[in-house]
Amino acid sequence: MQYLEDIKVGDKASYGNYQVTREEVLDFASKYDPQPFHLDDDAAAKTHFGKISASGWHTAAMTMAMLVENLKKHRQAGLGSPGIDELRWLKPVYPGDTLRVESEITEVRPSRSRPEMGSIHSTVTVLNQDNVAVMTMKSIGLVATRPKG
């Protein structure tokens, strides 16, 4: 189990292999972001996207799925998150793309009021199969400190 004390500024990780499917793009968009360029080939062709693209919110959700899968493999004493900062969608994500994540820890901060936990800050970059960055964000995670005793 990885606790707050085990995490260092500069730690890097690379993970994920998410296959973006047309069916998933259409399903997510129809439920949560039903804009024409996410749902209709003809409408999308008339935009700067050129073809159906995934919602940025869908890209964030796919990123979360990869992040959680990585946490399962590397067992971190995670306690959730108070949020993210500076979420940016840099390039469209299309059906057929394969996404992966690169992250780097930028800050580790023990809590002054709750000694059983602290926060980690990291930069997160999502890349497609061509190593083109499609999304970035600054993530904040809460992590337990090592139990005493």
N, C-alpha and C. Protein backbone atom coordinates (compact mmCIF):
# COMPACT_ATOMS: atom_id res chain seq x y z
N MET A 1 0.85 -1.19 0.00
CA MET A 1 0.00 0.00 0.00
C MET A 1 0.89 1.24 0.00
N GLN A 2 0.58 2.17 -0.84
CA GLN A 2 1.33 3.42 -0.93
C GLN A 2 0.60 4.51 -0.15
N TYR A 3 1.30 5.08 0.83
CA TYR A 3 0.75 6.14 1.68
C TYR A 3 1.36 7.48 1.29
N LEU A 4 0.85 8.55 1.88
CA LEU A 4 1.31 9.89 1.57
C LEU A 4 2.83 10.00 1.68
N GLU A 5 3.40 9.39 2.72
CA GLU A 5 4.85 9.48 2.95
C GLU A 5 5.68 8.82 1.84
N ASP A 6 5.05 7.96 1.06
CA ASP A 6 5.76 7.25 -0.01
C ASP A 6 5.77 8.02 -1.32
N ILE A 7 5.00 9.09 -1.41
CA ILE A 7 4.84 9.84 -2.65
C ILE A 7 5.74 11.06 -2.61
N LYS A 8 6.50 11.26 -3.68
CA LYS A 8 7.48 12.35 -3.74
C LYS A 8 7.23 13.26 -4.93
N VAL A 9 7.53 14.55 -4.74
CA VAL A 9 7.47 15.50 -5.86
C VAL A 9 8.41 14.99 -6.95
N GLY A 10 7.93 15.01 -8.16
CA GLY A 10 8.71 14.53 -9.30
C GLY A 10 8.39 13.11 -9.71
N ASP A 11 7.68 12.36 -8.85
CA ASP A 11 7.26 11.00 -9.23
C ASP A 11 6.43 11.08 -10.50
N LYS A 12 6.72 10.19 -11.45
CA LYS A 12 6.01 10.16 -12.72
C LYS A 12 5.37 8.80 -12.92
N ALA A 13 4.28 8.80 -13.67
CA ALA A 13 3.61 7.55 -14.03
C ALA A 13 3.08 7.66 -15.45
N SER A 14 3.03 6.54 -16.11
CA SER A 14 2.46 6.45 -17.45
C SER A 14 1.59 5.20 -17.45
N TYR A 15 0.33 5.34 -17.85
CA TYR A 15 -0.58 4.20 -17.77
C TYR A 15 -1.77 4.40 -18.69
N GLY A 16 -2.52 3.32 -18.83
CA GLY A 16 -3.75 3.37 -19.60
C GLY A 16 -3.58 2.91 -21.02
N ASN A 17 -4.68 2.43 -21.56
CA ASN A 17 -4.76 1.99 -22.94
C ASN A 17 -6.26 1.91 -23.25
N TYR A 18 -6.88 3.07 -23.41
CA TYR A 18 -8.33 3.15 -23.55
C TYR A 18 -8.70 3.28 -25.01
N GLN A 19 -9.45 2.29 -25.51
CA GLN A 19 -9.91 2.28 -26.90
C GLN A 19 -11.24 3.04 -26.97
N VAL A 20 -11.27 4.12 -27.71
CA VAL A 20 -12.47 4.94 -27.85
C VAL A 20 -13.32 4.35 -28.98
N THR A 21 -14.55 3.97 -28.64
CA THR A 21 -15.42 3.39 -29.66
C THR A 21 -16.52 4.37 -30.07
N ARG A 22 -16.98 4.23 -31.28
CA ARG A 22 -18.07 5.07 -31.78
C ARG A 22 -19.32 4.87 -30.93
N GLU A 23 -19.61 3.63 -30.60
CA GLU A 23 -20.80 3.34 -29.79
C GLU A 23 -20.76 4.07 -28.45
N GLU A 24 -19.61 4.05 -27.80
CA GLU A 24 -19.48 4.72 -26.50
C GLU A 24 -19.58 6.24 -26.65
N VAL A 25 -18.97 6.79 -27.69
CA VAL A 25 -19.04 8.23 -27.94
C VAL A 25 -20.50 8.65 -28.11
N LEU A 26 -21.24 7.91 -28.92
CA LEU A 26 -22.65 8.24 -29.17
C LEU A 26 -23.50 8.06 -27.91
N ASP A 27 -23.25 6.98 -27.17
CA ASP A 27 -24.01 6.72 -25.95
C ASP A 27 -23.78 7.81 -24.91
N PHE A 28 -22.52 8.16 -24.67
CA PHE A 28 -22.22 9.20 -23.68
C PHE A 28 -22.85 10.53 -24.11
N ALA A 29 -22.64 10.90 -25.36
CA ALA A 29 -23.15 12.18 -25.85
C ALA A 29 -24.67 12.24 -25.78
N SER A 30 -25.34 11.15 -26.13
CA SER A 30 -26.80 11.18 -26.11
C SER A 30 -27.33 11.38 -24.69
N LYS A 31 -26.60 10.89 -23.70
CA LYS A 31 -27.02 11.03 -22.30
C LYS A 31 -26.58 12.35 -21.67
N TYR A 32 -25.36 12.80 -21.97
CA TYR A 32 -24.77 13.88 -21.17
C TYR A 32 -24.34 15.12 -21.94
N ASP A 33 -24.16 15.03 -23.25
CA ASP A 33 -23.69 16.19 -24.02
C ASP A 33 -24.23 16.08 -25.45
N PRO A 34 -25.56 16.18 -25.61
CA PRO A 34 -26.18 15.89 -26.90
C PRO A 34 -26.06 17.01 -27.94
N GLN A 35 -24.85 17.43 -28.18
CA GLN A 35 -24.62 18.42 -29.23
C GLN A 35 -24.45 17.69 -30.56
N PRO A 36 -24.90 18.30 -31.66
CA PRO A 36 -24.90 17.61 -32.96
C PRO A 36 -23.54 17.05 -33.38
N PHE A 37 -22.46 17.75 -33.10
CA PHE A 37 -21.15 17.27 -33.55
C PHE A 37 -20.65 16.06 -32.76
N HIS A 38 -21.36 15.68 -31.69
CA HIS A 38 -21.06 14.45 -30.97
C HIS A 38 -21.97 13.30 -31.39
N LEU A 39 -23.03 13.63 -32.16
CA LEU A 39 -24.07 12.63 -32.44
C LEU A 39 -24.36 12.38 -33.92
N ASP A 40 -24.03 13.34 -34.76
CA ASP A 40 -24.49 13.26 -36.16
C ASP A 40 -23.31 13.48 -37.11
N ASP A 41 -23.08 12.50 -37.98
CA ASP A 41 -21.95 12.59 -38.92
C ASP A 41 -22.02 13.82 -39.81
N ASP A 42 -23.20 14.11 -40.36
CA ASP A 42 -23.33 15.26 -41.26
C ASP A 42 -23.12 16.57 -40.53
N ALA A 43 -23.69 16.69 -39.34
CA ALA A 43 -23.51 17.92 -38.56
C ALA A 43 -22.05 18.09 -38.16
N ALA A 44 -21.41 17.02 -37.76
CA ALA A 44 -20.00 17.09 -37.34
C ALA A 44 -19.10 17.47 -38.51
N ALA A 45 -19.43 16.97 -39.71
CA ALA A 45 -18.62 17.26 -40.89
C ALA A 45 -18.60 18.75 -41.23
N LYS A 46 -19.60 19.49 -40.79
CA LYS A 46 -19.69 20.92 -41.08
C LYS A 46 -18.99 21.78 -40.03
N THR A 47 -18.37 21.14 -39.05
CA THR A 47 -17.68 21.89 -37.99
C THR A 47 -16.17 21.71 -38.13
N HIS A 48 -15.44 22.40 -37.26
CA HIS A 48 -13.98 22.27 -37.25
C HIS A 48 -13.53 20.86 -36.83
N PHE A 49 -14.45 20.07 -36.22
CA PHE A 49 -14.10 18.70 -35.84
C PHE A 49 -13.96 17.81 -37.07
N GLY A 50 -14.78 18.06 -38.09
CA GLY A 50 -14.72 17.29 -39.33
C GLY A 50 -15.45 15.97 -39.29
N LYS A 51 -15.60 15.41 -38.11
CA LYS A 51 -16.32 14.15 -37.92
C LYS A 51 -16.74 14.06 -36.46
N ILE A 52 -17.54 13.06 -36.15
CA ILE A 52 -18.00 12.91 -34.76
C ILE A 52 -16.80 12.83 -33.82
N SER A 53 -16.90 13.60 -32.74
CA SER A 53 -15.84 13.59 -31.72
C SER A 53 -16.46 13.33 -30.36
N ALA A 54 -15.64 12.83 -29.46
CA ALA A 54 -16.09 12.59 -28.09
C ALA A 54 -16.28 13.91 -27.37
N SER A 55 -17.24 13.96 -26.49
CA SER A 55 -17.41 15.10 -25.60
C SER A 55 -16.15 15.24 -24.74
N GLY A 56 -15.78 16.46 -24.44
CA GLY A 56 -14.66 16.67 -23.52
C GLY A 56 -14.94 16.03 -22.17
N TRP A 57 -16.20 16.07 -21.75
CA TRP A 57 -16.57 15.44 -20.47
C TRP A 57 -16.40 13.93 -20.55
N HIS A 58 -16.63 13.38 -21.73
CA HIS A 58 -16.40 11.95 -21.93
C HIS A 58 -14.90 11.65 -21.85
N THR A 59 -14.09 12.51 -22.43
CA THR A 59 -12.63 12.34 -22.34
C THR A 59 -12.20 12.36 -20.87
N ALA A 60 -12.76 13.28 -20.09
CA ALA A 60 -12.44 13.33 -18.66
C ALA A 60 -12.88 12.05 -17.96
N ALA A 61 -14.05 11.52 -18.33
CA ALA A 61 -14.54 10.28 -17.72
C ALA A 61 -13.65 9.09 -18.10
N MET A 62 -13.21 9.02 -19.35
CA MET A 62 -12.30 7.95 -19.76
C MET A 62 -10.98 8.05 -19.01
N THR A 63 -10.52 9.29 -18.80
CA THR A 63 -9.30 9.51 -18.03
C THR A 63 -9.47 9.01 -16.60
N MET A 64 -10.61 9.29 -16.00
CA MET A 64 -10.87 8.82 -14.64
C MET A 64 -10.86 7.30 -14.58
N ALA A 65 -11.42 6.65 -15.59
CA ALA A 65 -11.42 5.19 -15.63
C ALA A 65 -9.98 4.66 -15.66
N MET A 66 -9.12 5.29 -16.44
CA MET A 66 -7.72 4.85 -16.49
C MET A 66 -7.01 5.12 -15.18
N LEU A 67 -7.29 6.26 -14.58
CA LEU A 67 -6.69 6.62 -13.29
C LEU A 67 -7.06 5.61 -12.20
N VAL A 68 -8.33 5.27 -12.11
CA VAL A 68 -8.78 4.32 -11.09
C VAL A 68 -8.18 2.94 -11.35
N GLU A 69 -8.12 2.51 -12.59
CA GLU A 69 -7.51 1.21 -12.91
C GLU A 69 -6.05 1.20 -12.47
N ASN A 70 -5.34 2.31 -12.68
CA ASN A 70 -3.95 2.41 -12.25
C ASN A 70 -3.84 2.35 -10.72
N LEU A 71 -4.76 3.02 -10.02
CA LEU A 71 -4.74 2.99 -8.56
C LEU A 71 -5.02 1.59 -8.02
N LYS A 72 -5.86 0.83 -8.71
CA LYS A 72 -6.12 -0.56 -8.30
C LYS A 72 -4.84 -1.40 -8.41
N LYS A 73 -4.09 -1.20 -9.49
CA LYS A 73 -2.87 -1.98 -9.71
C LYS A 73 -1.77 -1.60 -8.73
N HIS A 74 -1.72 -0.33 -8.36
CA HIS A 74 -0.60 0.17 -7.54
C HIS A 74 -1.03 0.54 -6.12
N ARG A 75 -2.16 0.09 -5.70
CA ARG A 75 -2.70 0.21 -4.35
C ARG A 75 -2.24 1.44 -3.58
N GLN A 76 -2.91 2.50 -3.80
CA GLN A 76 -2.66 3.75 -3.08
C GLN A 76 -3.75 3.95 -2.04
N ALA A 77 -3.40 4.51 -0.90
CA ALA A 77 -4.35 4.76 0.19
C ALA A 77 -5.17 6.02 -0.11
N GLY A 78 -5.80 6.03 -1.27
CA GLY A 78 -6.56 7.19 -1.73
C GLY A 78 -7.84 7.41 -0.94
N LEU A 79 -8.18 8.67 -0.77
CA LEU A 79 -9.36 9.07 -0.02
C LEU A 79 -10.27 10.00 -0.83
N GLY A 80 -10.17 9.92 -2.16
CA GLY A 80 -11.00 10.78 -3.01
C GLY A 80 -10.26 12.03 -3.43
N SER A 81 -11.02 13.02 -3.82
CA SER A 81 -10.44 14.25 -4.36
C SER A 81 -11.34 15.44 -4.09
N PRO A 82 -10.74 16.59 -3.74
CA PRO A 82 -11.55 17.79 -3.61
C PRO A 82 -11.79 18.49 -4.95
N GLY A 83 -11.15 17.98 -6.03
CA GLY A 83 -11.40 18.57 -7.34
C GLY A 83 -10.18 18.61 -8.22
N ILE A 84 -10.35 19.27 -9.36
CA ILE A 84 -9.27 19.47 -10.32
C ILE A 84 -9.21 20.94 -10.67
N ASP A 85 -8.08 21.34 -11.21
CA ASP A 85 -7.89 22.71 -11.68
C ASP A 85 -7.43 22.67 -13.13
N GLU A 86 -7.70 23.75 -13.83
CA GLU A 86 -7.16 23.97 -15.17
C GLU A 86 -7.41 22.82 -16.14
N LEU A 87 -8.62 22.32 -16.18
CA LEU A 87 -8.98 21.30 -17.16
C LEU A 87 -9.01 21.93 -18.55
N ARG A 88 -8.26 21.33 -19.47
CA ARG A 88 -8.20 21.86 -20.84
C ARG A 88 -8.36 20.72 -21.84
N TRP A 89 -9.24 20.93 -22.82
CA TRP A 89 -9.38 20.00 -23.92
C TRP A 89 -8.61 20.60 -25.09
N LEU A 90 -7.50 19.97 -25.43
CA LEU A 90 -6.56 20.54 -26.40
C LEU A 90 -6.84 20.15 -27.84
N LYS A 91 -7.23 18.91 -28.04
CA LYS A 91 -7.51 18.37 -29.38
C LYS A 91 -8.72 17.45 -29.28
N PRO A 92 -9.44 17.30 -30.38
CA PRO A 92 -10.58 16.39 -30.36
C PRO A 92 -10.14 14.93 -30.15
N VAL A 93 -11.02 14.18 -29.54
CA VAL A 93 -10.85 12.73 -29.40
C VAL A 93 -11.92 12.10 -30.28
N TYR A 94 -11.48 11.16 -31.13
CA TYR A 94 -12.37 10.55 -32.11
C TYR A 94 -12.54 9.06 -31.86
N PRO A 95 -13.67 8.51 -32.29
CA PRO A 95 -13.77 7.05 -32.27
C PRO A 95 -12.59 6.44 -33.02
N GLY A 96 -12.03 5.40 -32.45
CA GLY A 96 -10.84 4.77 -33.03
C GLY A 96 -9.55 5.20 -32.35
N ASP A 97 -9.58 6.30 -31.61
CA ASP A 97 -8.39 6.73 -30.88
C ASP A 97 -8.12 5.78 -29.71
N THR A 98 -6.87 5.74 -29.31
CA THR A 98 -6.45 5.00 -28.12
C THR A 98 -5.79 6.01 -27.19
N LEU A 99 -6.31 6.12 -25.98
CA LEU A 99 -5.82 7.12 -25.02
C LEU A 99 -4.95 6.48 -23.96
N ARG A 100 -4.03 7.28 -23.44
CA ARG A 100 -3.19 6.90 -22.30
C ARG A 100 -2.91 8.14 -21.49
N VAL A 101 -2.38 7.95 -20.27
CA VAL A 101 -2.17 9.05 -19.34
C VAL A 101 -0.72 9.11 -18.91
N GLU A 102 -0.22 10.32 -18.77
CA GLU A 102 1.07 10.58 -18.12
C GLU A 102 0.82 11.58 -17.00
N SER A 103 1.41 11.32 -15.83
CA SER A 103 1.22 12.24 -14.71
C SER A 103 2.53 12.46 -13.98
N GLU A 104 2.61 13.61 -13.31
CA GLU A 104 3.78 13.94 -12.50
C GLU A 104 3.32 14.65 -11.23
N ILE A 105 3.83 14.18 -10.10
CA ILE A 105 3.50 14.79 -8.81
C ILE A 105 4.23 16.14 -8.72
N THR A 106 3.46 17.19 -8.40
CA THR A 106 4.05 18.53 -8.29
C THR A 106 4.07 19.05 -6.86
N GLU A 107 3.26 18.43 -5.98
CA GLU A 107 3.23 18.89 -4.59
C GLU A 107 2.69 17.75 -3.71
N VAL A 108 3.30 17.59 -2.55
CA VAL A 108 2.81 16.66 -1.52
C VAL A 108 2.67 17.49 -0.25
N ARG A 109 1.45 17.52 0.29
CA ARG A 109 1.20 18.40 1.43
C ARG A 109 0.45 17.66 2.55
N PRO A 110 1.11 17.40 3.68
CA PRO A 110 0.39 16.83 4.83
C PRO A 110 -0.66 17.83 5.32
N SER A 111 -1.79 17.33 5.79
CA SER A 111 -2.84 18.19 6.32
C SER A 111 -2.44 18.70 7.71
N ARG A 112 -2.63 20.00 7.95
CA ARG A 112 -2.36 20.56 9.28
C ARG A 112 -3.47 20.23 10.26
N SER A 113 -4.69 20.11 9.76
CA SER A 113 -5.83 19.89 10.66
C SER A 113 -6.22 18.41 10.80
N ARG A 114 -5.79 17.59 9.85
CA ARG A 114 -6.15 16.17 9.88
C ARG A 114 -4.88 15.34 9.64
N PRO A 115 -4.16 15.00 10.69
CA PRO A 115 -2.87 14.33 10.53
C PRO A 115 -2.94 12.95 9.89
N GLU A 116 -4.14 12.40 9.77
CA GLU A 116 -4.28 11.07 9.16
C GLU A 116 -4.31 11.12 7.63
N MET A 117 -4.14 12.33 7.06
CA MET A 117 -4.22 12.45 5.61
C MET A 117 -3.44 13.66 5.10
N GLY A 118 -3.34 13.74 3.80
CA GLY A 118 -2.74 14.89 3.14
C GLY A 118 -3.19 14.93 1.70
N SER A 119 -2.62 15.86 0.95
CA SER A 119 -3.01 15.99 -0.46
C SER A 119 -1.80 15.87 -1.37
N ILE A 120 -2.06 15.38 -2.55
CA ILE A 120 -1.05 15.34 -3.60
C ILE A 120 -1.60 16.11 -4.80
N HIS A 121 -0.74 16.88 -5.42
CA HIS A 121 -1.11 17.63 -6.61
C HIS A 121 -0.28 17.06 -7.76
N SER A 122 -0.91 16.92 -8.91
CA SER A 122 -0.18 16.40 -10.05
C SER A 122 -0.68 17.03 -11.34
N THR A 123 0.22 17.06 -12.32
CA THR A 123 -0.18 17.45 -13.67
C THR A 123 -0.51 16.15 -14.40
N VAL A 124 -1.60 16.18 -15.12
CA VAL A 124 -2.08 15.01 -15.84
C VAL A 124 -2.21 15.39 -17.31
N THR A 125 -1.63 14.57 -18.17
CA THR A 125 -1.72 14.77 -19.61
C THR A 125 -2.28 13.51 -20.23
N VAL A 126 -3.32 13.66 -21.04
CA VAL A 126 -3.90 12.53 -21.77
C VAL A 126 -3.44 12.64 -23.21
N LEU A 127 -2.90 11.54 -23.72
CA LEU A 127 -2.36 11.52 -25.08
C LEU A 127 -3.09 10.48 -25.92
N ASN A 128 -3.14 10.73 -27.23
CA ASN A 128 -3.72 9.73 -28.13
C ASN A 128 -2.62 8.82 -28.68
N GLN A 129 -2.99 7.95 -29.59
CA GLN A 129 -2.06 6.96 -30.15
C GLN A 129 -0.90 7.59 -30.92
N ASP A 130 -1.03 8.84 -31.30
CA ASP A 130 0.04 9.56 -32.01
C ASP A 130 0.89 10.39 -31.05
N ASN A 131 0.71 10.18 -29.74
CA ASN A 131 1.40 10.94 -28.69
C ASN A 131 1.08 12.43 -28.74
N VAL A 132 -0.11 12.75 -29.20
CA VAL A 132 -0.60 14.12 -29.22
C VAL A 132 -1.43 14.33 -27.95
N ALA A 133 -1.11 15.39 -27.21
CA ALA A 133 -1.87 15.70 -25.99
C ALA A 133 -3.27 16.15 -26.38
N VAL A 134 -4.28 15.49 -25.82
CA VAL A 134 -5.67 15.83 -26.11
C VAL A 134 -6.36 16.49 -24.93
N MET A 135 -5.81 16.30 -23.71
CA MET A 135 -6.41 16.90 -22.52
C MET A 135 -5.34 17.05 -21.46
N THR A 136 -5.42 18.13 -20.68
CA THR A 136 -4.56 18.31 -19.51
C THR A 136 -5.42 18.77 -18.34
N MET A 137 -4.92 18.49 -17.16
CA MET A 137 -5.57 19.00 -15.95
C MET A 137 -4.57 18.94 -14.81
N LYS A 138 -4.88 19.68 -13.77
CA LYS A 138 -4.11 19.61 -12.53
C LYS A 138 -5.01 18.92 -11.52
N SER A 139 -4.57 17.79 -11.06
CA SER A 139 -5.37 16.93 -10.19
C SER A 139 -4.94 17.10 -8.74
N ILE A 140 -5.92 17.03 -7.85
CA ILE A 140 -5.66 17.05 -6.42
C ILE A 140 -6.25 15.77 -5.83
N GLY A 141 -5.43 15.00 -5.16
CA GLY A 141 -5.90 13.77 -4.54
C GLY A 141 -5.65 13.80 -3.05
N LEU A 142 -6.54 13.18 -2.30
CA LEU A 142 -6.37 13.02 -0.86
C LEU A 142 -5.84 11.62 -0.61
N VAL A 143 -4.82 11.52 0.24
CA VAL A 143 -4.17 10.24 0.50
C VAL A 143 -3.95 10.09 2.00
N ALA A 144 -4.22 8.89 2.51
CA ALA A 144 -4.01 8.62 3.93
C ALA A 144 -2.51 8.57 4.27
N THR A 145 -2.18 8.98 5.48
CA THR A 145 -0.82 8.79 5.98
C THR A 145 -0.70 7.37 6.53
N ARG A 146 0.52 6.92 6.67
CA ARG A 146 0.77 5.57 7.17
C ARG A 146 0.21 5.44 8.59
N PRO A 147 -0.55 4.38 8.85
CA PRO A 147 -1.10 4.19 10.19
C PRO A 147 0.02 4.06 11.24
N LYS A 148 -0.20 4.62 12.40
CA LYS A 148 0.78 4.55 13.49
C LYS A 148 0.67 3.19 14.16
N GLY A 149 1.82 2.68 14.60
CA GLY A 149 1.78 1.45 15.38
C GLY A 149 2.13 0.28 14.64
